[in-house]
Amino acid sequence: MEARAQARYIRVTPMKARRVVDLIRGMDATEAQAVLRFAPQAASVPVGKVLDSAIANAAHNYDHTDADSLFISEAYVDEVRP
């Protein structure tokens, strides 16, 4: 089972957000939360919110009450064309 979350209209450049997403891809969810909490990049705040939302979606939809069993299998950043 997979839980998804997405954020739209974030005011961070895609290149800067990709640097943060590359840090957490493949990590456990709790470890990724800790990394994002102490990352100096400004993009870590919206990426952390999306991660928190995905964890909450897993807890609500699939009864995964512990975040220790979750990991980030896929994470990516797309850019919008004007």
Protein backbone atom coordinates (compact mmCIF):
# COMPACT_ATOMS: atom_id res chain seq x y z
CA MET A 1 0.00 0.00 0.00
CA GLU A 2 1.12 3.51 -0.64
CA ALA A 3 0.14 6.87 0.72
CA ARG A 4 0.43 9.96 -1.39
CA ALA A 5 0.56 13.68 -0.80
CA GLN A 6 1.23 16.61 -3.05
CA ALA A 7 1.68 20.33 -2.73
CA ARG A 8 0.85 22.83 -5.39
CA TYR A 9 1.73 26.49 -5.90
CA ILE A 10 4.75 26.43 -3.60
CA ARG A 11 6.88 29.53 -3.92
CA VAL A 12 10.23 27.77 -4.09
CA THR A 13 12.25 27.22 -7.24
CA PRO A 14 12.18 23.62 -8.47
CA MET A 15 15.97 23.37 -8.45
CA LYS A 16 16.14 24.25 -4.75
CA ALA A 17 13.25 21.93 -3.88
CA ARG A 18 14.90 19.04 -5.78
CA ARG A 19 18.03 19.39 -3.64
CA VAL A 20 15.93 18.86 -0.53
CA VAL A 21 13.89 16.00 -2.01
CA ASP A 22 17.10 14.26 -3.08
CA LEU A 23 18.19 14.28 0.57
CA ILE A 24 15.21 12.27 1.79
CA ARG A 25 14.45 9.92 -1.08
CA GLY A 26 14.73 6.31 0.12
CA MET A 27 14.86 7.17 3.84
CA ASP A 28 12.57 6.02 6.61
CA ALA A 29 9.80 8.52 7.29
CA THR A 30 10.90 9.41 10.83
CA GLU A 31 14.52 9.83 9.76
CA ALA A 32 13.44 12.06 6.87
CA GLN A 33 11.39 14.21 9.24
CA ALA A 34 14.45 14.71 11.43
CA VAL A 35 16.63 15.58 8.45
CA LEU A 36 14.12 18.12 7.17
CA ARG A 37 13.66 19.66 10.60
CA PHE A 38 17.37 20.59 10.78
CA ALA A 39 18.09 21.24 7.09
CA PRO A 40 19.17 24.84 6.47
CA GLN A 41 17.40 25.13 3.11
CA ALA A 42 14.17 27.13 2.92
CA ALA A 43 12.56 24.46 0.77
CA SER A 44 12.73 21.98 3.64
CA VAL A 45 9.65 23.55 5.27
CA PRO A 46 7.15 22.85 2.44
CA VAL A 47 8.72 19.46 1.72
CA GLY A 48 8.38 18.61 5.42
CA LYS A 49 4.72 19.58 5.35
CA VAL A 50 4.10 17.30 2.38
CA LEU A 51 5.89 14.46 4.19
CA ASP A 52 3.78 15.04 7.30
CA SER A 53 0.67 14.94 5.15
CA ALA A 54 1.71 11.66 3.52
CA ILE A 55 2.33 10.11 6.94
CA ALA A 56 -1.09 11.31 8.13
CA ASN A 57 -2.71 9.90 4.99
CA ALA A 58 -1.12 6.52 5.65
CA ALA A 59 -2.31 6.56 9.25
CA HIS A 60 -5.84 7.50 8.30
CA ASN A 61 -6.37 5.44 5.16
CA TYR A 62 -4.42 2.27 5.91
CA ASP A 63 -4.33 2.17 9.73
CA HIS A 64 -0.54 2.51 9.86
CA THR A 65 -0.37 4.12 13.25
CA ASP A 66 3.42 4.10 13.48
CA ALA A 67 5.62 6.09 11.12
CA ASP A 68 8.52 3.72 11.81
CA SER A 69 7.26 1.22 9.24
CA LEU A 70 6.96 3.83 6.49
CA PHE A 71 9.65 4.85 4.03
CA ILE A 72 9.87 7.22 1.08
CA SER A 73 9.81 5.17 -2.08
CA GLU A 74 9.17 7.99 -4.53
CA ALA A 75 9.57 11.75 -4.31
CA TYR A 76 9.88 14.24 -7.11
CA VAL A 77 9.49 17.91 -8.00
CA ASP A 78 7.90 19.12 -11.21
CA GLU A 79 7.97 22.65 -12.49
CA VAL A 80 5.19 24.67 -14.00
CA ARG A 81 5.48 26.21 -17.42
CA PRO A 82 4.10 29.76 -17.68
